[in-house]
Amino acid sequence: MRVRILFKTTLTLVLTGAITALVLTVGCKDNNLEDRGNKMSELNQTKIQLLNIFLGLQAFRNEFGDYPPSDNDDGDYCGAQKLAEALVGYDLYGYHPKSKFKSDGTWDAGQDGRYDKDDVINVRERKGSYVDLKDDRMFTYTDVENKESSIKLTKANAVLLKNIFVNTGLLNGETYVLCDVFAKKNPVYGGKVGMPILYFRADHSSLSKAKANRTYDFKDNEALIDCGVPWDNLKAHELDSKRFYSFEYVGERRQVLPSQFLLISAGPDGLYGTDDDIIWRSNQQFKVEKGEVVIPPR
């Protein structure tokens, strides 16, 4: 696949191979037509938002040679947090090329070895943002038949982790995540906000027992899932390692064509691991038609 992305007022994506799509399973049982319409609008907005993130990840890889990491090896900085840093910056002022993806925003000892938005030179050295924080960017999709269609991208909802969860555990609550558009009343946030989008980078080289020959590592975002359901402490997420690995594997065998990254939105119910989750794999196809992201039949 060859991708060309121009980050101007309009984004242009030229494809010569397969490109990402959404694997979407949605059950809409509400008989209220207005509620149904709102849900379908939110679903499309989330697909557009994931498209925006996909474009940002492609641009990041084009500039730095690989997608950002998603591991939580240090225990306090998970995949969802690293996704936000890569695409909008540790402090929302863009990604710094010297970053080592640490939860405290440092890479070397001393003031010069950290994110510092008050330092003009430090900010000037930043890259991105690779996704917009405002709803003002258009994306133009050009397919293999040179047919063009445009769509307005959904902004990245960057929110501090501490403003979503009562208890962030070992995770640094002073760092940002990108939330989906399925906003619910959140007593911590003091208003409505969606759930963080989970990010997993593929590791096609690992054959260690710890990862059991798997492309992704559930531990990359397990700590965030363990933060619970912020808008209802009587509910719990259903995403565990068994269900997670069922997304990508049959037993211990890898897929023939494994994807490069995985994005997961908790979907309309705000719970990870349920049937309405929206899952974006980087090796499938999508189309843009009449302002909607359309998934071809599987």
C-alpha atoms as a PDB file:
ATOM      1  CA  MET A   1       0.000   0.000   0.000  1.00  0.00           C
ATOM      2  CA  ARG A   2       1.268   3.467  -0.849  1.00  0.00           C
ATOM      3  CA  VAL A   3      -0.301   6.431   0.892  1.00  0.00           C
ATOM      4  CA  ARG A   4       0.195  10.113   0.199  1.00  0.00           C
ATOM      5  CA  ILE A   5      -1.232  12.533   2.724  1.00  0.00           C
ATOM      6  CA  LEU A   6      -1.115  16.282   2.267  1.00  0.00           C
ATOM      7  CA  PHE A   7      -1.751  18.152   5.524  1.00  0.00           C
ATOM      8  CA  LYS A   8      -3.172  21.413   4.296  1.00  0.00           C
ATOM      9  CA  THR A   9      -6.728  22.760   4.480  1.00  0.00           C
ATOM     10  CA  THR A  10      -7.728  19.617   2.618  1.00  0.00           C
ATOM     11  CA  LEU A  11      -6.278  16.161   3.162  1.00  0.00           C
ATOM     12  CA  THR A  12      -5.671  14.031   0.095  1.00  0.00           C
ATOM     13  CA  LEU A  13      -5.178  10.291   0.322  1.00  0.00           C
ATOM     14  CA  VAL A  14      -4.100   8.375  -2.777  1.00  0.00           C
ATOM     15  CA  LEU A  15      -4.319   4.607  -2.531  1.00  0.00           C
ATOM     16  CA  THR A  16      -2.790   1.871  -4.643  1.00  0.00           C
ATOM     17  CA  GLY A  17      -3.712  -1.064  -2.442  1.00  0.00           C
ATOM     18  CA  ALA A  18      -5.844  -2.223   0.411  1.00  0.00           C
ATOM     19  CA  ILE A  19      -6.528   0.283   3.154  1.00  0.00           C
ATOM     20  CA  THR A  20      -8.004   0.229   6.596  1.00  0.00           C
ATOM     21  CA  ALA A  21     -11.646  -0.265   7.408  1.00  0.00           C
ATOM     22  CA  LEU A  22     -13.846  -0.496  10.400  1.00  0.00           C
ATOM     23  CA  VAL A  23     -15.060  -3.829  11.668  1.00  0.00           C
ATOM     24  CA  LEU A  24     -18.322  -2.731  13.130  1.00  0.00           C
ATOM     25  CA  THR A  25     -20.970  -4.708  14.940  1.00  0.00           C
ATOM     26  CA  VAL A  26     -23.853  -2.615  16.135  1.00  0.00           C
ATOM     27  CA  GLY A  27     -27.172  -3.598  17.613  1.00  0.00           C
ATOM     28  CA  CYS A  28     -29.715  -0.791  17.713  1.00  0.00           C
ATOM     29  CA  LYS A  29     -32.783  -2.017  19.541  1.00  0.00           C
ATOM     30  CA  ASP A  30     -34.216   1.333  20.521  1.00  0.00           C
ATOM     31  CA  ASN A  31     -37.628   1.820  18.937  1.00  0.00           C
ATOM     32  CA  ASN A  32     -37.413   5.588  19.253  1.00  0.00           C
ATOM     33  CA  LEU A  33     -36.552   6.846  15.760  1.00  0.00           C
ATOM     34  CA  GLU A  34     -34.948  10.043  17.030  1.00  0.00           C
ATOM     35  CA  ASP A  35     -32.682   8.101  19.370  1.00  0.00           C
ATOM     36  CA  ARG A  36     -31.852   5.760  16.524  1.00  0.00           C
ATOM     37  CA  GLY A  37     -30.940   8.665  14.301  1.00  0.00           C
ATOM     38  CA  ASN A  38     -28.725  10.148  16.999  1.00  0.00           C
ATOM     39  CA  LYS A  39     -26.978   6.831  17.520  1.00  0.00           C
ATOM     40  CA  MET A  40     -26.366   6.350  13.803  1.00  0.00           C
ATOM     41  CA  SER A  41     -24.983   9.897  13.577  1.00  0.00           C
ATOM     42  CA  GLU A  42     -22.647   9.197  16.489  1.00  0.00           C
ATOM     43  CA  LEU A  43     -21.584   5.932  14.872  1.00  0.00           C
ATOM     44  CA  ASN A  44     -20.650   7.701  11.664  1.00  0.00           C
ATOM     45  CA  GLN A  45     -18.877  10.470  13.589  1.00  0.00           C
ATOM     46  CA  THR A  46     -16.853   7.853  15.453  1.00  0.00           C
ATOM     47  CA  LYS A  47     -15.914   6.129  12.202  1.00  0.00           C
ATOM     48  CA  ILE A  48     -14.841   9.508  10.818  1.00  0.00           C
ATOM     49  CA  GLN A  49     -12.878  10.153  14.003  1.00  0.00           C
ATOM     50  CA  LEU A  50     -11.100   6.805  13.639  1.00  0.00           C
ATOM     51  CA  LEU A  51     -10.400   7.676  10.009  1.00  0.00           C
ATOM     52  CA  ASN A  52      -8.833  10.916  11.255  1.00  0.00           C
ATOM     53  CA  ILE A  53      -6.657   8.949  13.686  1.00  0.00           C
ATOM     54  CA  PHE A  54      -5.705   6.514  10.926  1.00  0.00           C
ATOM     55  CA  LEU A  55      -4.547   9.403   8.736  1.00  0.00           C
ATOM     56  CA  GLY A  56      -2.574  10.813  11.644  1.00  0.00           C
ATOM     57  CA  LEU A  57      -0.888   7.468  12.302  1.00  0.00           C
ATOM     58  CA  GLN A  58       0.006   7.152   8.611  1.00  0.00           C
ATOM     59  CA  ALA A  59       1.537  10.639   8.643  1.00  0.00           C
ATOM     60  CA  PHE A  60       3.475   9.817  11.826  1.00  0.00           C
ATOM     61  CA  ARG A  61       4.841   6.629  10.268  1.00  0.00           C
ATOM     62  CA  ASN A  62       5.743   8.443   7.046  1.00  0.00           C
ATOM     63  CA  GLU A  63       7.787  10.952   9.066  1.00  0.00           C
ATOM     64  CA  PHE A  64       9.373   8.663  11.665  1.00  0.00           C
ATOM     65  CA  GLY A  65       9.440   5.279   9.942  1.00  0.00           C
ATOM     66  CA  ASP A  66       7.057   3.423  12.261  1.00  0.00           C
ATOM     67  CA  TYR A  67       3.840   3.802  14.209  1.00  0.00           C
ATOM     68  CA  PRO A  68       4.141   5.086  17.799  1.00  0.00           C
ATOM     69  CA  PRO A  69       4.620   2.451  20.504  1.00  0.00           C
ATOM     70  CA  SER A  70       1.684   1.216  22.582  1.00  0.00           C
ATOM     71  CA  ASP A  71       3.373  -0.780  25.343  1.00  0.00           C
ATOM     72  CA  ASN A  72       2.844  -0.077  29.025  1.00  0.00           C
ATOM     73  CA  ASP A  73       6.152  -1.554  30.124  1.00  0.00           C
ATOM     74  CA  ASP A  74       6.702   1.219  32.691  1.00  0.00           C
ATOM     75  CA  GLY A  75       3.241   0.647  34.156  1.00  0.00           C
ATOM     76  CA  ASP A  76       2.119   4.291  34.116  1.00  0.00           C
ATOM     77  CA  TYR A  77       1.739   5.160  30.422  1.00  0.00           C
ATOM     78  CA  CYS A  78      -0.487   2.939  28.270  1.00  0.00           C
ATOM     79  CA  GLY A  79      -1.263   2.684  24.573  1.00  0.00           C
ATOM     80  CA  ALA A  80      -4.162   5.164  24.639  1.00  0.00           C
ATOM     81  CA  GLN A  81      -1.937   7.788  26.284  1.00  0.00           C
ATOM     82  CA  LYS A  82       0.915   7.232  23.831  1.00  0.00           C
ATOM     83  CA  LEU A  83      -1.515   7.553  20.915  1.00  0.00           C
ATOM     84  CA  ALA A  84      -2.533  11.006  22.144  1.00  0.00           C
ATOM     85  CA  GLU A  85       1.082  12.110  22.625  1.00  0.00           C
ATOM     86  CA  ALA A  86       2.054  11.000  19.126  1.00  0.00           C
ATOM     87  CA  LEU A  87      -0.867  12.691  17.389  1.00  0.00           C
ATOM     88  CA  VAL A  88      -1.392  15.919  19.366  1.00  0.00           C
ATOM     89  CA  GLY A  89       1.615  16.116  21.692  1.00  0.00           C
ATOM     90  CA  TYR A  90       2.132  15.545  25.400  1.00  0.00           C
ATOM     91  CA  ASP A  91       0.766  19.048  26.116  1.00  0.00           C
ATOM     92  CA  LEU A  92      -1.351  19.493  22.937  1.00  0.00           C
ATOM     93  CA  TYR A  93       1.400  21.572  21.282  1.00  0.00           C
ATOM     94  CA  GLY A  94       2.610  18.814  18.947  1.00  0.00           C
ATOM     95  CA  TYR A  95       4.871  15.784  19.174  1.00  0.00           C
ATOM     96  CA  HIS A  96       8.572  16.292  19.975  1.00  0.00           C
ATOM     97  CA  PRO A  97      10.885  14.055  17.887  1.00  0.00           C
ATOM     98  CA  LYS A  98      13.166  13.466  20.883  1.00  0.00           C
ATOM     99  CA  SER A  99      10.355  11.985  22.935  1.00  0.00           C
ATOM    100  CA  LYS A 100      10.859   8.578  24.527  1.00  0.00           C
ATOM    101  CA  PHE A 101       7.148   8.277  25.360  1.00  0.00           C
ATOM    102  CA  LYS A 102       7.547   8.651  29.118  1.00  0.00           C
ATOM    103  CA  SER A 103       4.604   9.523  31.364  1.00  0.00           C
ATOM    104  CA  ASP A 104       6.390  12.600  32.753  1.00  0.00           C
ATOM    105  CA  GLY A 105       7.179  13.994  29.293  1.00  0.00           C
ATOM    106  CA  THR A 106      10.964  13.768  29.697  1.00  0.00           C
ATOM    107  CA  TRP A 107      13.706  12.225  27.563  1.00  0.00           C
ATOM    108  CA  ASP A 108      16.890  13.573  29.180  1.00  0.00           C
ATOM    109  CA  ALA A 109      17.858  15.109  32.517  1.00  0.00           C
ATOM    110  CA  GLY A 110      17.462  18.866  32.821  1.00  0.00           C
ATOM    111  CA  GLN A 111      14.956  21.407  31.543  1.00  0.00           C
ATOM    112  CA  ASP A 112      15.994  20.907  27.900  1.00  0.00           C
ATOM    113  CA  GLY A 113      15.089  17.218  28.034  1.00  0.00           C
ATOM    114  CA  ARG A 114      11.341  17.484  28.374  1.00  0.00           C
ATOM    115  CA  TYR A 115       8.167  18.879  26.803  1.00  0.00           C
ATOM    116  CA  ASP A 116       7.989  22.593  27.632  1.00  0.00           C
ATOM    117  CA  LYS A 117       5.224  24.601  25.960  1.00  0.00           C
ATOM    118  CA  ASP A 118       6.636  27.838  27.410  1.00  0.00           C
ATOM    119  CA  ASP A 119       9.939  27.350  25.564  1.00  0.00           C
ATOM    120  CA  VAL A 120       9.661  28.836  22.067  1.00  0.00           C
ATOM    121  CA  ILE A 121      12.463  26.682  20.660  1.00  0.00           C
ATOM    122  CA  ASN A 122      10.993  23.541  22.222  1.00  0.00           C
ATOM    123  CA  VAL A 123       7.614  24.228  20.623  1.00  0.00           C
ATOM    124  CA  ARG A 124       9.241  25.102  17.294  1.00  0.00           C
ATOM    125  CA  GLU A 125      10.880  21.669  17.243  1.00  0.00           C
ATOM    126  CA  ARG A 126       7.525  19.914  17.510  1.00  0.00           C
ATOM    127  CA  LYS A 127       5.831  17.971  14.716  1.00  0.00           C
ATOM    128  CA  GLY A 128       2.116  17.760  13.954  1.00  0.00           C
ATOM    129  CA  SER A 129      -0.458  17.877  15.272  1.00  0.00           C
ATOM    130  CA  TYR A 130      -1.339  14.864  13.158  1.00  0.00           C
ATOM    131  CA  VAL A 131      -5.034  15.145  13.953  1.00  0.00           C
ATOM    132  CA  ASP A 132      -7.073  18.317  14.351  1.00  0.00           C
ATOM    133  CA  LEU A 133      -8.347  19.575  17.671  1.00  0.00           C
ATOM    134  CA  LYS A 134     -11.051  21.475  15.762  1.00  0.00           C
ATOM    135  CA  ASP A 135     -13.705  20.437  13.222  1.00  0.00           C
ATOM    136  CA  ASP A 136     -12.265  22.367  10.286  1.00  0.00           C
ATOM    137  CA  ARG A 137     -10.305  19.934   8.138  1.00  0.00           C
ATOM    138  CA  MET A 138     -11.623  18.249   5.020  1.00  0.00           C
ATOM    139  CA  PHE A 139     -10.433  14.869   3.798  1.00  0.00           C
ATOM    140  CA  THR A 140     -10.468  14.078   0.078  1.00  0.00           C
ATOM    141  CA  TYR A 141     -10.482  10.393  -0.776  1.00  0.00           C
ATOM    142  CA  THR A 142      -9.224   9.311  -4.191  1.00  0.00           C
ATOM    143  CA  ASP A 143      -9.837   5.667  -5.027  1.00  0.00           C
ATOM    144  CA  VAL A 144      -7.987   3.485  -7.532  1.00  0.00           C
ATOM    145  CA  GLU A 145     -10.365   4.645 -10.297  1.00  0.00           C
ATOM    146  CA  ASN A 146      -9.440   8.294  -9.562  1.00  0.00           C
ATOM    147  CA  LYS A 147     -12.918   9.033  -8.192  1.00  0.00           C
ATOM    148  CA  GLU A 148     -12.883  11.678  -5.482  1.00  0.00           C
ATOM    149  CA  SER A 149     -15.159  12.267  -2.509  1.00  0.00           C
ATOM    150  CA  SER A 150     -14.749  14.543   0.505  1.00  0.00           C
ATOM    151  CA  ILE A 151     -15.703  14.334   4.142  1.00  0.00           C
ATOM    152  CA  LYS A 152     -15.324  16.674   7.112  1.00  0.00           C
ATOM    153  CA  LEU A 153     -13.114  15.111   9.752  1.00  0.00           C
ATOM    154  CA  THR A 154     -14.241  14.834  13.354  1.00  0.00           C
ATOM    155  CA  LYS A 155     -11.962  16.606  15.816  1.00  0.00           C
ATOM    156  CA  ALA A 156      -9.780  14.727  18.272  1.00  0.00           C
ATOM    157  CA  ASN A 157     -11.377  14.849  21.706  1.00  0.00           C
ATOM    158  CA  ALA A 158      -8.242  15.206  23.848  1.00  0.00           C
ATOM    159  CA  VAL A 159      -9.052  14.914  27.560  1.00  0.00           C
ATOM    160  CA  LEU A 160      -6.820  14.548  30.620  1.00  0.00           C
ATOM    161  CA  LEU A 161      -7.098  11.043  32.054  1.00  0.00           C
ATOM    162  CA  LYS A 162      -7.718  12.383  35.573  1.00  0.00           C
ATOM    163  CA  ASN A 163     -10.817  14.187  34.261  1.00  0.00           C
ATOM    164  CA  ILE A 164     -12.379  10.899  33.151  1.00  0.00           C
ATOM    165  CA  PHE A 165     -11.725   8.400  35.936  1.00  0.00           C
ATOM    166  CA  VAL A 166     -12.100   8.715  39.705  1.00  0.00           C
ATOM    167  CA  ASN A 167      -9.022   6.547  40.162  1.00  0.00           C
ATOM    168  CA  THR A 168      -6.400   6.193  37.410  1.00  0.00           C
ATOM    169  CA  GLY A 169      -4.416   3.592  39.360  1.00  0.00           C
ATOM    170  CA  LEU A 170      -0.744   3.589  38.383  1.00  0.00           C
ATOM    171  CA  LEU A 171      -1.430   5.537  35.179  1.00  0.00           C
ATOM    172  CA  ASN A 172      -0.365   9.189  35.122  1.00  0.00           C
ATOM    173  CA  GLY A 173      -3.655  11.094  35.258  1.00  0.00           C
ATOM    174  CA  GLU A 174      -1.974  14.309  34.072  1.00  0.00           C
ATOM    175  CA  THR A 175      -1.651  12.979  30.512  1.00  0.00           C
ATOM    176  CA  TYR A 176      -4.093  13.115  27.611  1.00  0.00           C
ATOM    177  CA  VAL A 177      -6.151  10.469  25.828  1.00  0.00           C
ATOM    178  CA  LEU A 178      -8.379  10.773  22.745  1.00  0.00           C
ATOM    179  CA  CYS A 179     -12.041  10.086  23.574  1.00  0.00           C
ATOM    180  CA  ASP A 180     -14.775   8.872  21.236  1.00  0.00           C
ATOM    181  CA  VAL A 181     -17.952  10.852  20.556  1.00  0.00           C
ATOM    182  CA  PHE A 182     -20.317   8.667  22.603  1.00  0.00           C
ATOM    183  CA  ALA A 183     -20.501  11.219  25.394  1.00  0.00           C
ATOM    184  CA  LYS A 184     -22.083  10.274  28.701  1.00  0.00           C
ATOM    185  CA  LYS A 185     -22.563  12.224  31.923  1.00  0.00           C
ATOM    186  CA  ASN A 186     -19.346  11.877  33.817  1.00  0.00           C
ATOM    187  CA  PRO A 187     -19.234  13.145  37.425  1.00  0.00           C
ATOM    188  CA  VAL A 188     -15.440  13.448  37.291  1.00  0.00           C
ATOM    189  CA  TYR A 189     -15.477  15.461  34.058  1.00  0.00           C
ATOM    190  CA  GLY A 190     -18.366  17.630  35.250  1.00  0.00           C
ATOM    191  CA  GLY A 191     -20.252  17.147  31.993  1.00  0.00           C
ATOM    192  CA  LYS A 192     -20.492  14.704  29.111  1.00  0.00           C
ATOM    193  CA  VAL A 193     -17.442  12.975  27.676  1.00  0.00           C
ATOM    194  CA  GLY A 194     -16.738   9.782  25.725  1.00  0.00           C
ATOM    195  CA  MET A 195     -14.429   6.897  26.575  1.00  0.00           C
ATOM    196  CA  PRO A 196     -10.731   6.779  25.584  1.00  0.00           C
ATOM    197  CA  ILE A 197      -9.900   5.130  22.267  1.00  0.00           C
ATOM    198  CA  LEU A 198      -7.605   2.170  22.901  1.00  0.00           C
ATOM    199  CA  TYR A 199      -4.509   1.815  20.705  1.00  0.00           C
ATOM    200  CA  PHE A 200      -2.447  -1.320  20.134  1.00  0.00           C
ATOM    201  CA  ARG A 201       0.576  -1.426  17.831  1.00  0.00           C
ATOM    202  CA  ALA A 202       1.290  -4.762  16.201  1.00  0.00           C
ATOM    203  CA  ASP A 203       4.425  -6.699  17.024  1.00  0.00           C
ATOM    204  CA  HIS A 204       5.009  -9.202  14.238  1.00  0.00           C
ATOM    205  CA  SER A 205       8.457 -10.189  15.445  1.00  0.00           C
ATOM    206  CA  SER A 206       7.717 -11.365  18.980  1.00  0.00           C
ATOM    207  CA  LEU A 207       7.693 -15.112  19.476  1.00  0.00           C
ATOM    208  CA  SER A 208       8.096 -14.933  23.226  1.00  0.00           C
ATOM    209  CA  LYS A 209       6.045 -17.034  25.601  1.00  0.00           C
ATOM    210  CA  ALA A 210       4.760 -13.858  27.259  1.00  0.00           C
ATOM    211  CA  LYS A 211       2.956 -12.819  24.093  1.00  0.00           C
ATOM    212  CA  ALA A 212       2.162 -16.364  22.975  1.00  0.00           C
ATOM    213  CA  ASN A 213       2.913 -15.574  19.322  1.00  0.00           C
ATOM    214  CA  ARG A 214       0.215 -12.896  19.331  1.00  0.00           C
ATOM    215  CA  THR A 215       0.296  -9.770  17.204  1.00  0.00           C
ATOM    216  CA  TYR A 216      -0.972  -7.529  20.008  1.00  0.00           C
ATOM    217  CA  ASP A 217      -0.475  -7.384  23.764  1.00  0.00           C
ATOM    218  CA  PHE A 218      -3.619  -6.897  25.874  1.00  0.00           C
ATOM    219  CA  LYS A 219      -1.453  -5.433  28.648  1.00  0.00           C
ATOM    220  CA  ASP A 220      -0.858  -2.352  26.493  1.00  0.00           C
ATOM    221  CA  ASN A 221      -4.215  -0.946  27.704  1.00  0.00           C
ATOM    222  CA  GLU A 222      -5.239  -3.282  30.514  1.00  0.00           C
ATOM    223  CA  ALA A 223      -4.476  -0.675  33.193  1.00  0.00           C
ATOM    224  CA  LEU A 224      -6.852   1.814  31.576  1.00  0.00           C
ATOM    225  CA  ILE A 225      -9.637  -0.766  31.306  1.00  0.00           C
ATOM    226  CA  ASP A 226      -9.096  -1.509  34.996  1.00  0.00           C
ATOM    227  CA  CYS A 227      -9.900   2.144  35.791  1.00  0.00           C
ATOM    228  CA  GLY A 228     -13.538   1.083  35.530  1.00  0.00           C
ATOM    229  CA  VAL A 229     -16.732   2.679  34.212  1.00  0.00           C
ATOM    230  CA  PRO A 230     -16.644   6.323  35.305  1.00  0.00           C
ATOM    231  CA  TRP A 231     -20.336   7.071  34.797  1.00  0.00           C
ATOM    232  CA  ASP A 232     -21.656   3.964  36.590  1.00  0.00           C
ATOM    233  CA  ASN A 233     -19.607   2.203  39.262  1.00  0.00           C
ATOM    234  CA  LEU A 234     -22.060  -0.706  39.264  1.00  0.00           C
ATOM    235  CA  LYS A 235     -21.084  -1.645  35.708  1.00  0.00           C
ATOM    236  CA  ALA A 236     -17.886  -3.272  34.494  1.00  0.00           C
ATOM    237  CA  HIS A 237     -16.075  -3.595  31.173  1.00  0.00           C
ATOM    238  CA  GLU A 238     -16.279  -7.022  29.540  1.00  0.00           C
ATOM    239  CA  LEU A 239     -12.992  -6.787  27.673  1.00  0.00           C
ATOM    240  CA  ASP A 240     -10.544  -9.284  29.130  1.00  0.00           C
ATOM    241  CA  SER A 241      -7.551 -11.017  27.578  1.00  0.00           C
ATOM    242  CA  LYS A 242      -9.631 -13.945  26.292  1.00  0.00           C
ATOM    243  CA  ARG A 243     -12.126 -11.743  24.458  1.00  0.00           C
ATOM    244  CA  PHE A 244      -9.400  -9.397  23.251  1.00  0.00           C
ATOM    245  CA  TYR A 245      -7.338 -12.128  21.637  1.00  0.00           C
ATOM    246  CA  SER A 246     -10.456 -13.557  19.989  1.00  0.00           C
ATOM    247  CA  PHE A 247     -10.528 -10.386  17.850  1.00  0.00           C
ATOM    248  CA  GLU A 248      -7.320 -11.347  16.105  1.00  0.00           C
ATOM    249  CA  TYR A 249      -6.541 -15.024  16.628  1.00  0.00           C
ATOM    250  CA  VAL A 250      -7.696 -18.601  16.267  1.00  0.00           C
ATOM    251  CA  GLY A 251      -6.033 -20.383  19.133  1.00  0.00           C
ATOM    252  CA  GLU A 252      -2.361 -19.427  19.245  1.00  0.00           C
ATOM    253  CA  ARG A 253      -1.969 -18.965  15.480  1.00  0.00           C
ATOM    254  CA  ARG A 254      -1.441 -15.587  13.857  1.00  0.00           C
ATOM    255  CA  GLN A 255      -3.676 -14.323  11.083  1.00  0.00           C
ATOM    256  CA  VAL A 256      -2.312 -14.762   7.560  1.00  0.00           C
ATOM    257  CA  LEU A 257      -2.456 -11.006   6.998  1.00  0.00           C
ATOM    258  CA  PRO A 258      -2.085  -9.400  10.439  1.00  0.00           C
ATOM    259  CA  SER A 259      -2.808  -5.691  10.740  1.00  0.00           C
ATOM    260  CA  GLN A 260      -0.330  -3.025  11.802  1.00  0.00           C
ATOM    261  CA  PHE A 261      -2.394  -1.482  14.577  1.00  0.00           C
ATOM    262  CA  LEU A 262      -5.723  -1.833  16.313  1.00  0.00           C
ATOM    263  CA  LEU A 263      -8.040   0.904  17.568  1.00  0.00           C
ATOM    264  CA  ILE A 264     -11.024   0.181  19.801  1.00  0.00           C
ATOM    265  CA  SER A 265     -13.899   2.503  20.687  1.00  0.00           C
ATOM    266  CA  ALA A 266     -16.146   1.342  23.530  1.00  0.00           C
ATOM    267  CA  GLY A 267     -19.144   2.160  21.320  1.00  0.00           C
ATOM    268  CA  PRO A 268     -22.551   3.584  22.309  1.00  0.00           C
ATOM    269  CA  ASP A 269     -22.763   1.714  25.630  1.00  0.00           C
ATOM    270  CA  GLY A 270     -19.365   3.010  26.805  1.00  0.00           C
ATOM    271  CA  LEU A 271     -18.219  -0.477  27.796  1.00  0.00           C
ATOM    272  CA  TYR A 272     -15.141  -2.145  26.334  1.00  0.00           C
ATOM    273  CA  GLY A 273     -15.669  -5.730  25.192  1.00  0.00           C
ATOM    274  CA  THR A 274     -19.370  -5.633  24.307  1.00  0.00           C
ATOM    275  CA  ASP A 275     -20.923  -6.272  20.904  1.00  0.00           C
ATOM    276  CA  ASP A 276     -21.253  -2.582  20.000  1.00  0.00           C
ATOM    277  CA  ASP A 277     -17.511  -1.872  20.215  1.00  0.00           C
ATOM    278  CA  ILE A 278     -16.117  -0.225  17.098  1.00  0.00           C
ATOM    279  CA  ILE A 279     -12.903  -1.893  16.015  1.00  0.00           C
ATOM    280  CA  TRP A 280     -10.539  -0.476  13.418  1.00  0.00           C
ATOM    281  CA  ARG A 281      -8.011  -2.807  11.850  1.00  0.00           C
ATOM    282  CA  SER A 282      -5.361  -1.400   9.569  1.00  0.00           C
ATOM    283  CA  ASN A 283      -5.571  -3.990   6.787  1.00  0.00           C
ATOM    284  CA  GLN A 284      -9.144  -3.797   5.566  1.00  0.00           C
ATOM    285  CA  GLN A 285     -11.067  -1.496   3.251  1.00  0.00           C
ATOM    286  CA  PHE A 286     -13.434   1.464   3.499  1.00  0.00           C
ATOM    287  CA  LYS A 287     -15.080   3.956   1.184  1.00  0.00           C
ATOM    288  CA  VAL A 288     -16.203   7.549   1.635  1.00  0.00           C
ATOM    289  CA  GLU A 289     -19.635   8.199   0.157  1.00  0.00           C
ATOM    290  CA  LYS A 290     -21.967  11.169   0.709  1.00  0.00           C
ATOM    291  CA  GLY A 291     -20.396  12.258   3.958  1.00  0.00           C
ATOM    292  CA  GLU A 292     -20.230   8.776   5.477  1.00  0.00           C
ATOM    293  CA  VAL A 293     -17.519   6.171   5.997  1.00  0.00           C
ATOM    294  CA  VAL A 294     -18.874   3.046   4.307  1.00  0.00           C
ATOM    295  CA  ILE A 295     -17.614  -0.458   4.918  1.00  0.00           C
ATOM    296  CA  PRO A 296     -17.784  -2.843   1.945  1.00  0.00           C
ATOM    297  CA  PRO A 297     -19.482  -6.211   2.608  1.00  0.00           C
ATOM    298  CA  ARG A 298     -17.105  -8.723   4.157  1.00  0.00           C
END
